[in-house]
Amino acid sequence: TLAYLFSDTKKRVTQLFSIGFGVVSLFLGLY
């Protein structure tokens, strides 16, 4: 809910957000 309420962000913010979660997920998978 909170992520959705504040998800109307610019492209760059959305990209950085997704890349950040992608990096964390990649690290956990390899770990």
ModelCIF file with pLDDT and N, C-alpha, C, O atoms, coordinates in Angstrom:
data_MODEL
#
_entry.id   MODEL 
#
_entity.id                         1 
_entity.type                       polymer 
_entity.pdbx_number_of_molecules   1 
#
_entity_poly.entity_id                      1 
_entity_poly.type                           'polypeptide(L)' 
_entity_poly.nstd_linkage                   no 
_entity_poly.nstd_monomer                   no 
_entity_poly.pdbx_seq_one_letter_code       TLAYLFSDTKKRVTQLFSIGFGVVSLFLGLY 
_entity_poly.pdbx_seq_one_letter_code_can   TLAYLFSDTKKRVTQLFSIGFGVVSLFLGLY 
_entity_poly.pdbx_strand_id                 A 
#
loop_
_entity_poly_seq.entity_id 
_entity_poly_seq.num 
_entity_poly_seq.mon_id 
_entity_poly_seq.hetero 
1 1  THR n 
1 2  LEU n 
1 3  ALA n 
1 4  TYR n 
1 5  LEU n 
1 6  PHE n 
1 7  SER n 
1 8  ASP n 
1 9  THR n 
1 10 LYS n 
1 11 LYS n 
1 12 ARG n 
1 13 VAL n 
1 14 THR n 
1 15 GLN n 
1 16 LEU n 
1 17 PHE n 
1 18 SER n 
1 19 ILE n 
1 20 GLY n 
1 21 PHE n 
1 22 GLY n 
1 23 VAL n 
1 24 VAL n 
1 25 SER n 
1 26 LEU n 
1 27 PHE n 
1 28 LEU n 
1 29 GLY n 
1 30 LEU n 
1 31 TYR n 
#
_struct_asym.id          A 
_struct_asym.entity_id   1 
#
loop_
_ma_qa_metric.id 
_ma_qa_metric.mode 
_ma_qa_metric.name 
_ma_qa_metric.software_group_id 
_ma_qa_metric.type 
1 global pLDDT . pLDDT 
2 local  pLDDT . pLDDT 
#
_ma_qa_metric_global.metric_id      1 
_ma_qa_metric_global.metric_value   92.87 
_ma_qa_metric_global.model_id       1 
_ma_qa_metric_global.ordinal_id     1 
#
loop_
_ma_qa_metric_local.label_asym_id 
_ma_qa_metric_local.label_comp_id 
_ma_qa_metric_local.label_seq_id 
_ma_qa_metric_local.metric_id 
_ma_qa_metric_local.metric_value 
_ma_qa_metric_local.model_id 
_ma_qa_metric_local.ordinal_id 
A THR 1  2 88.00 1 1  
A LEU 2  2 91.00 1 2  
A ALA 3  2 92.00 1 3  
A TYR 4  2 89.00 1 4  
A LEU 5  2 87.00 1 5  
A PHE 6  2 88.00 1 6  
A SER 7  2 89.00 1 7  
A ASP 8  2 86.00 1 8  
A THR 9  2 87.00 1 9  
A LYS 10 2 87.00 1 10 
A LYS 11 2 88.00 1 11 
A ARG 12 2 90.00 1 12 
A VAL 13 2 91.00 1 13 
A THR 14 2 92.00 1 14 
A GLN 15 2 94.00 1 15 
A LEU 16 2 96.00 1 16 
A PHE 17 2 96.00 1 17 
A SER 18 2 97.00 1 18 
A ILE 19 2 97.00 1 19 
A GLY 20 2 97.00 1 20 
A PHE 21 2 97.00 1 21 
A GLY 22 2 97.00 1 22 
A VAL 23 2 98.00 1 23 
A VAL 24 2 97.00 1 24 
A SER 25 2 97.00 1 25 
A LEU 26 2 97.00 1 26 
A PHE 27 2 97.00 1 27 
A LEU 28 2 96.00 1 28 
A GLY 29 2 95.00 1 29 
A LEU 30 2 95.00 1 30 
A TYR 31 2 91.00 1 31 
#
loop_
_atom_site.group_PDB 
_atom_site.id 
_atom_site.type_symbol 
_atom_site.label_atom_id 
_atom_site.label_alt_id 
_atom_site.label_comp_id 
_atom_site.label_asym_id 
_atom_site.label_entity_id 
_atom_site.label_seq_id 
_atom_site.pdbx_PDB_ins_code 
_atom_site.Cartn_x 
_atom_site.Cartn_y 
_atom_site.Cartn_z 
_atom_site.occupancy 
_atom_site.B_iso_or_equiv 
_atom_site.pdbx_formal_charge 
_atom_site.auth_seq_id 
_atom_site.auth_comp_id 
_atom_site.auth_asym_id 
_atom_site.auth_atom_id 
_atom_site.pdbx_PDB_model_num 
ATOM 1   N N  . THR A 1 1  ? 0.825  -1.210  0.000   1.00 88.00 ? 1  THR A N  1 
ATOM 2   C CA . THR A 1 1  ? 0.000  0.000   0.000   1.00 88.00 ? 1  THR A CA 1 
ATOM 3   C C  . THR A 1 1  ? 0.860  1.262   0.000   1.00 88.00 ? 1  THR A C  1 
ATOM 4   O O  . THR A 1 1  ? 0.636  2.166   -0.804  1.00 88.00 ? 1  THR A O  1 
ATOM 5   N N  . LEU A 1 2  ? 1.845  1.325   0.902   1.00 91.00 ? 2  LEU A N  1 
ATOM 6   C CA . LEU A 1 2  ? 2.679  2.516   0.960   1.00 91.00 ? 2  LEU A CA 1 
ATOM 7   C C  . LEU A 1 2  ? 3.551  2.654   -0.284  1.00 91.00 ? 2  LEU A C  1 
ATOM 8   O O  . LEU A 1 2  ? 3.749  3.759   -0.788  1.00 91.00 ? 2  LEU A O  1 
ATOM 9   N N  . ALA A 1 3  ? 4.072  1.532   -0.779  1.00 92.00 ? 3  ALA A N  1 
ATOM 10  C CA . ALA A 1 3  ? 4.866  1.603   -2.005  1.00 92.00 ? 3  ALA A CA 1 
ATOM 11  C C  . ALA A 1 3  ? 4.004  2.051   -3.178  1.00 92.00 ? 3  ALA A C  1 
ATOM 12  O O  . ALA A 1 3  ? 4.470  2.801   -4.036  1.00 92.00 ? 3  ALA A O  1 
ATOM 13  N N  . TYR A 1 4  ? 2.756  1.603   -3.224  1.00 89.00 ? 4  TYR A N  1 
ATOM 14  C CA . TYR A 1 4  ? 1.854  1.972   -4.311  1.00 89.00 ? 4  TYR A CA 1 
ATOM 15  C C  . TYR A 1 4  ? 1.473  3.453   -4.246  1.00 89.00 ? 4  TYR A C  1 
ATOM 16  O O  . TYR A 1 4  ? 1.381  4.128   -5.272  1.00 89.00 ? 4  TYR A O  1 
ATOM 17  N N  . LEU A 1 5  ? 1.253  3.949   -3.018  1.00 87.00 ? 5  LEU A N  1 
ATOM 18  C CA . LEU A 1 5  ? 0.886  5.357   -2.852  1.00 87.00 ? 5  LEU A CA 1 
ATOM 19  C C  . LEU A 1 5  ? 1.982  6.305   -3.335  1.00 87.00 ? 5  LEU A C  1 
ATOM 20  O O  . LEU A 1 5  ? 1.703  7.416   -3.785  1.00 87.00 ? 5  LEU A O  1 
ATOM 21  N N  . PHE A 1 6  ? 3.237  5.849   -3.234  1.00 88.00 ? 6  PHE A N  1 
ATOM 22  C CA . PHE A 1 6  ? 4.364  6.703   -3.617  1.00 88.00 ? 6  PHE A CA 1 
ATOM 23  C C  . PHE A 1 6  ? 5.062  6.201   -4.875  1.00 88.00 ? 6  PHE A C  1 
ATOM 24  O O  . PHE A 1 6  ? 6.219  6.539   -5.125  1.00 88.00 ? 6  PHE A O  1 
ATOM 25  N N  . SER A 1 7  ? 4.364  5.399   -5.660  1.00 89.00 ? 7  SER A N  1 
ATOM 26  C CA . SER A 1 7  ? 4.998  4.802   -6.844  1.00 89.00 ? 7  SER A CA 1 
ATOM 27  C C  . SER A 1 7  ? 4.847  5.645   -8.104  1.00 89.00 ? 7  SER A C  1 
ATOM 28  O O  . SER A 1 7  ? 5.338  5.248   -9.161  1.00 89.00 ? 7  SER A O  1 
ATOM 29  N N  . ASP A 1 8  ? 4.180  6.802   -8.024  1.00 86.00 ? 8  ASP A N  1 
ATOM 30  C CA . ASP A 1 8  ? 4.045  7.658   -9.201  1.00 86.00 ? 8  ASP A CA 1 
ATOM 31  C C  . ASP A 1 8  ? 5.294  8.539   -9.340  1.00 86.00 ? 8  ASP A C  1 
ATOM 32  O O  . ASP A 1 8  ? 5.211  9.767   -9.307  1.00 86.00 ? 8  ASP A O  1 
ATOM 33  N N  . THR A 1 9  ? 6.420  7.902   -9.491  1.00 87.00 ? 9  THR A N  1 
ATOM 34  C CA . THR A 1 9  ? 7.698  8.591   -9.541  1.00 87.00 ? 9  THR A CA 1 
ATOM 35  C C  . THR A 1 9  ? 8.186  8.722   -10.985 1.00 87.00 ? 9  THR A C  1 
ATOM 36  O O  . THR A 1 9  ? 7.587  8.173   -11.910 1.00 87.00 ? 9  THR A O  1 
ATOM 37  N N  . LYS A 1 10 ? 9.271  9.451   -11.155 1.00 87.00 ? 10 LYS A N  1 
ATOM 38  C CA . LYS A 1 10 ? 9.868  9.603   -12.465 1.00 87.00 ? 10 LYS A CA 1 
ATOM 39  C C  . LYS A 1 10 ? 10.548 8.313   -12.897 1.00 87.00 ? 10 LYS A C  1 
ATOM 40  O O  . LYS A 1 10 ? 10.789 7.412   -12.094 1.00 87.00 ? 10 LYS A O  1 
ATOM 41  N N  . LYS A 1 11 ? 10.851 8.251   -14.196 1.00 88.00 ? 11 LYS A N  1 
ATOM 42  C CA . LYS A 1 11 ? 11.454 7.036   -14.747 1.00 88.00 ? 11 LYS A CA 1 
ATOM 43  C C  . LYS A 1 11 ? 12.750 6.675   -14.035 1.00 88.00 ? 11 LYS A C  1 
ATOM 44  O O  . LYS A 1 11 ? 12.981 5.509   -13.714 1.00 88.00 ? 11 LYS A O  1 
ATOM 45  N N  . ARG A 1 12 ? 13.586 7.658   -13.789 1.00 90.00 ? 12 ARG A N  1 
ATOM 46  C CA . ARG A 1 12 ? 14.888 7.385   -13.201 1.00 90.00 ? 12 ARG A CA 1 
ATOM 47  C C  . ARG A 1 12 ? 14.757 6.813   -11.794 1.00 90.00 ? 12 ARG A C  1 
ATOM 48  O O  . ARG A 1 12 ? 15.485 5.892   -11.422 1.00 90.00 ? 12 ARG A O  1 
ATOM 49  N N  . VAL A 1 13 ? 13.828 7.360   -11.014 1.00 91.00 ? 13 VAL A N  1 
ATOM 50  C CA . VAL A 1 13 ? 13.616 6.852   -9.662  1.00 91.00 ? 13 VAL A CA 1 
ATOM 51  C C  . VAL A 1 13 ? 13.097 5.421   -9.708  1.00 91.00 ? 13 VAL A C  1 
ATOM 52  O O  . VAL A 1 13 ? 13.535 4.565   -8.939  1.00 91.00 ? 13 VAL A O  1 
ATOM 53  N N  . THR A 1 14 ? 12.156 5.171   -10.617 1.00 92.00 ? 14 THR A N  1 
ATOM 54  C CA . THR A 1 14 ? 11.623 3.820   -10.765 1.00 92.00 ? 14 THR A CA 1 
ATOM 55  C C  . THR A 1 14 ? 12.713 2.833   -11.176 1.00 92.00 ? 14 THR A C  1 
ATOM 56  O O  . THR A 1 14 ? 12.763 1.711   -10.673 1.00 92.00 ? 14 THR A O  1 
ATOM 57  N N  . GLN A 1 15 ? 13.577 3.255   -12.085 1.00 94.00 ? 15 GLN A N  1 
ATOM 58  C CA . GLN A 1 15 ? 14.676 2.396   -12.521 1.00 94.00 ? 15 GLN A CA 1 
ATOM 59  C C  . GLN A 1 15 ? 15.628 2.092   -11.374 1.00 94.00 ? 15 GLN A C  1 
ATOM 60  O O  . GLN A 1 15 ? 16.012 0.941   -11.165 1.00 94.00 ? 15 GLN A O  1 
ATOM 61  N N  . LEU A 1 16 ? 16.010 3.131   -10.629 1.00 96.00 ? 16 LEU A N  1 
ATOM 62  C CA . LEU A 1 16 ? 16.935 2.931   -9.508  1.00 96.00 ? 16 LEU A CA 1 
ATOM 63  C C  . LEU A 1 16 ? 16.318 2.029   -8.445  1.00 96.00 ? 16 LEU A C  1 
ATOM 64  O O  . LEU A 1 16 ? 16.997 1.178   -7.871  1.00 96.00 ? 16 LEU A O  1 
ATOM 65  N N  . PHE A 1 17 ? 15.032 2.222   -8.188  1.00 96.00 ? 17 PHE A N  1 
ATOM 66  C CA . PHE A 1 17 ? 14.318 1.400   -7.217  1.00 96.00 ? 17 PHE A CA 1 
ATOM 67  C C  . PHE A 1 17 ? 14.345 -0.070  -7.645  1.00 96.00 ? 17 PHE A C  1 
ATOM 68  O O  . PHE A 1 17 ? 14.661 -0.948  -6.843  1.00 96.00 ? 17 PHE A O  1 
ATOM 69  N N  . SER A 1 18 ? 14.014 -0.330  -8.903  1.00 97.00 ? 18 SER A N  1 
ATOM 70  C CA . SER A 1 18 ? 13.972 -1.705  -9.406  1.00 97.00 ? 18 SER A CA 1 
ATOM 71  C C  . SER A 1 18 ? 15.362 -2.314  -9.487  1.00 97.00 ? 18 SER A C  1 
ATOM 72  O O  . SER A 1 18 ? 15.544 -3.490  -9.174  1.00 97.00 ? 18 SER A O  1 
ATOM 73  N N  . ILE A 1 19 ? 16.340 -1.525  -9.902  1.00 97.00 ? 19 ILE A N  1 
ATOM 74  C CA . ILE A 1 19 ? 17.707 -2.037  -9.948  1.00 97.00 ? 19 ILE A CA 1 
ATOM 75  C C  . ILE A 1 19 ? 18.198 -2.395  -8.550  1.00 97.00 ? 19 ILE A C  1 
ATOM 76  O O  . ILE A 1 19 ? 18.876 -3.405  -8.359  1.00 97.00 ? 19 ILE A O  1 
ATOM 77  N N  . GLY A 1 20 ? 17.848 -1.552  -7.569  1.00 97.00 ? 20 GLY A N  1 
ATOM 78  C CA . GLY A 1 20 ? 18.239 -1.833  -6.189  1.00 97.00 ? 20 GLY A CA 1 
ATOM 79  C C  . GLY A 1 20 ? 17.671 -3.144  -5.695  1.00 97.00 ? 20 GLY A C  1 
ATOM 80  O O  . GLY A 1 20 ? 18.393 -3.952  -5.108  1.00 97.00 ? 20 GLY A O  1 
ATOM 81  N N  . PHE A 1 21 ? 16.386 -3.369  -5.923  1.00 97.00 ? 21 PHE A N  1 
ATOM 82  C CA . PHE A 1 21 ? 15.772 -4.634  -5.511  1.00 97.00 ? 21 PHE A CA 1 
ATOM 83  C C  . PHE A 1 21 ? 16.329 -5.799  -6.318  1.00 97.00 ? 21 PHE A C  1 
ATOM 84  O O  . PHE A 1 21 ? 16.453 -6.912  -5.807  1.00 97.00 ? 21 PHE A O  1 
ATOM 85  N N  . GLY A 1 22 ? 16.664 -5.541  -7.582  1.00 97.00 ? 22 GLY A N  1 
ATOM 86  C CA . GLY A 1 22 ? 17.258 -6.585  -8.405  1.00 97.00 ? 22 GLY A CA 1 
ATOM 87  C C  . GLY A 1 22 ? 18.624 -6.997  -7.900  1.00 97.00 ? 22 GLY A C  1 
ATOM 88  O O  . GLY A 1 22 ? 18.949 -8.185  -7.871  1.00 97.00 ? 22 GLY A O  1 
ATOM 89  N N  . VAL A 1 23 ? 19.428 -6.022  -7.503  1.00 98.00 ? 23 VAL A N  1 
ATOM 90  C CA . VAL A 1 23 ? 20.767 -6.327  -6.983  1.00 98.00 ? 23 VAL A CA 1 
ATOM 91  C C  . VAL A 1 23 ? 20.678 -7.112  -5.677  1.00 98.00 ? 23 VAL A C  1 
ATOM 92  O O  . VAL A 1 23 ? 21.413 -8.079  -5.479  1.00 98.00 ? 23 VAL A O  1 
ATOM 93  N N  . VAL A 1 24 ? 19.775 -6.694  -4.785  1.00 97.00 ? 24 VAL A N  1 
ATOM 94  C CA . VAL A 1 24 ? 19.597 -7.415  -3.520  1.00 97.00 ? 24 VAL A CA 1 
ATOM 95  C C  . VAL A 1 24 ? 19.145 -8.851  -3.774  1.00 97.00 ? 24 VAL A C  1 
ATOM 96  O O  . VAL A 1 24 ? 19.651 -9.782  -3.146  1.00 97.00 ? 24 VAL A O  1 
ATOM 97  N N  . SER A 1 25 ? 18.196 -9.033  -4.691  1.00 97.00 ? 25 SER A N  1 
ATOM 98  C CA . SER A 1 25 ? 17.700 -10.373 -5.010  1.00 97.00 ? 25 SER A CA 1 
ATOM 99  C C  . SER A 1 25 ? 18.794 -11.223 -5.651  1.00 97.00 ? 25 SER A C  1 
ATOM 100 O O  . SER A 1 25 ? 18.920 -12.410 -5.349  1.00 97.00 ? 25 SER A O  1 
ATOM 101 N N  . LEU A 1 26 ? 19.579 -10.617 -6.531  1.00 97.00 ? 26 LEU A N  1 
ATOM 102 C CA . LEU A 1 26 ? 20.692 -11.339 -7.169  1.00 97.00 ? 26 LEU A CA 1 
ATOM 103 C C  . LEU A 1 26 ? 21.712 -11.781 -6.136  1.00 97.00 ? 26 LEU A C  1 
ATOM 104 O O  . LEU A 1 26 ? 22.195 -12.913 -6.174  1.00 97.00 ? 26 LEU A O  1 
ATOM 105 N N  . PHE A 1 27 ? 22.034 -10.895 -5.222  1.00 97.00 ? 27 PHE A N  1 
ATOM 106 C CA . PHE A 1 27 ? 22.990 -11.233 -4.161  1.00 97.00 ? 27 PHE A CA 1 
ATOM 107 C C  . PHE A 1 27 ? 22.467 -12.390 -3.312  1.00 97.00 ? 27 PHE A C  1 
ATOM 108 O O  . PHE A 1 27 ? 23.209 -13.323 -3.007  1.00 97.00 ? 27 PHE A O  1 
ATOM 109 N N  . LEU A 1 28 ? 21.180 -12.330 -2.928  1.00 96.00 ? 28 LEU A N  1 
ATOM 110 C CA . LEU A 1 28 ? 20.609 -13.388 -2.097  1.00 96.00 ? 28 LEU A CA 1 
ATOM 111 C C  . LEU A 1 28 ? 20.579 -14.720 -2.843  1.00 96.00 ? 28 LEU A C  1 
ATOM 112 O O  . LEU A 1 28 ? 20.809 -15.771 -2.246  1.00 96.00 ? 28 LEU A O  1 
ATOM 113 N N  . GLY A 1 29 ? 20.296 -14.678 -4.149  1.00 95.00 ? 29 GLY A N  1 
ATOM 114 C CA . GLY A 1 29 ? 20.293 -15.904 -4.929  1.00 95.00 ? 29 GLY A CA 1 
ATOM 115 C C  . GLY A 1 29 ? 21.672 -16.541 -5.005  1.00 95.00 ? 29 GLY A C  1 
ATOM 116 O O  . GLY A 1 29 ? 21.818 -17.743 -4.783  1.00 95.00 ? 29 GLY A O  1 
ATOM 117 N N  . LEU A 1 30 ? 22.679 -15.744 -5.317  1.00 95.00 ? 30 LEU A N  1 
ATOM 118 C CA . LEU A 1 30 ? 24.051 -16.257 -5.389  1.00 95.00 ? 30 LEU A CA 1 
ATOM 119 C C  . LEU A 1 30 ? 24.560 -16.669 -4.010  1.00 95.00 ? 30 LEU A C  1 
ATOM 120 O O  . LEU A 1 30 ? 25.258 -17.674 -3.871  1.00 95.00 ? 30 LEU A O  1 
ATOM 121 N N  . TYR A 1 31 ? 24.210 -15.896 -3.008  1.00 91.00 ? 31 TYR A N  1 
ATOM 122 C CA . TYR A 1 31 ? 24.595 -16.183 -1.628  1.00 91.00 ? 31 TYR A CA 1 
ATOM 123 C C  . TYR A 1 31 ? 24.030 -17.533 -1.198  1.00 91.00 ? 31 TYR A C  1 
ATOM 124 O O  . TYR A 1 31 ? 24.244 -17.958 -0.062  1.00 91.00 ? 31 TYR A O  1 
#
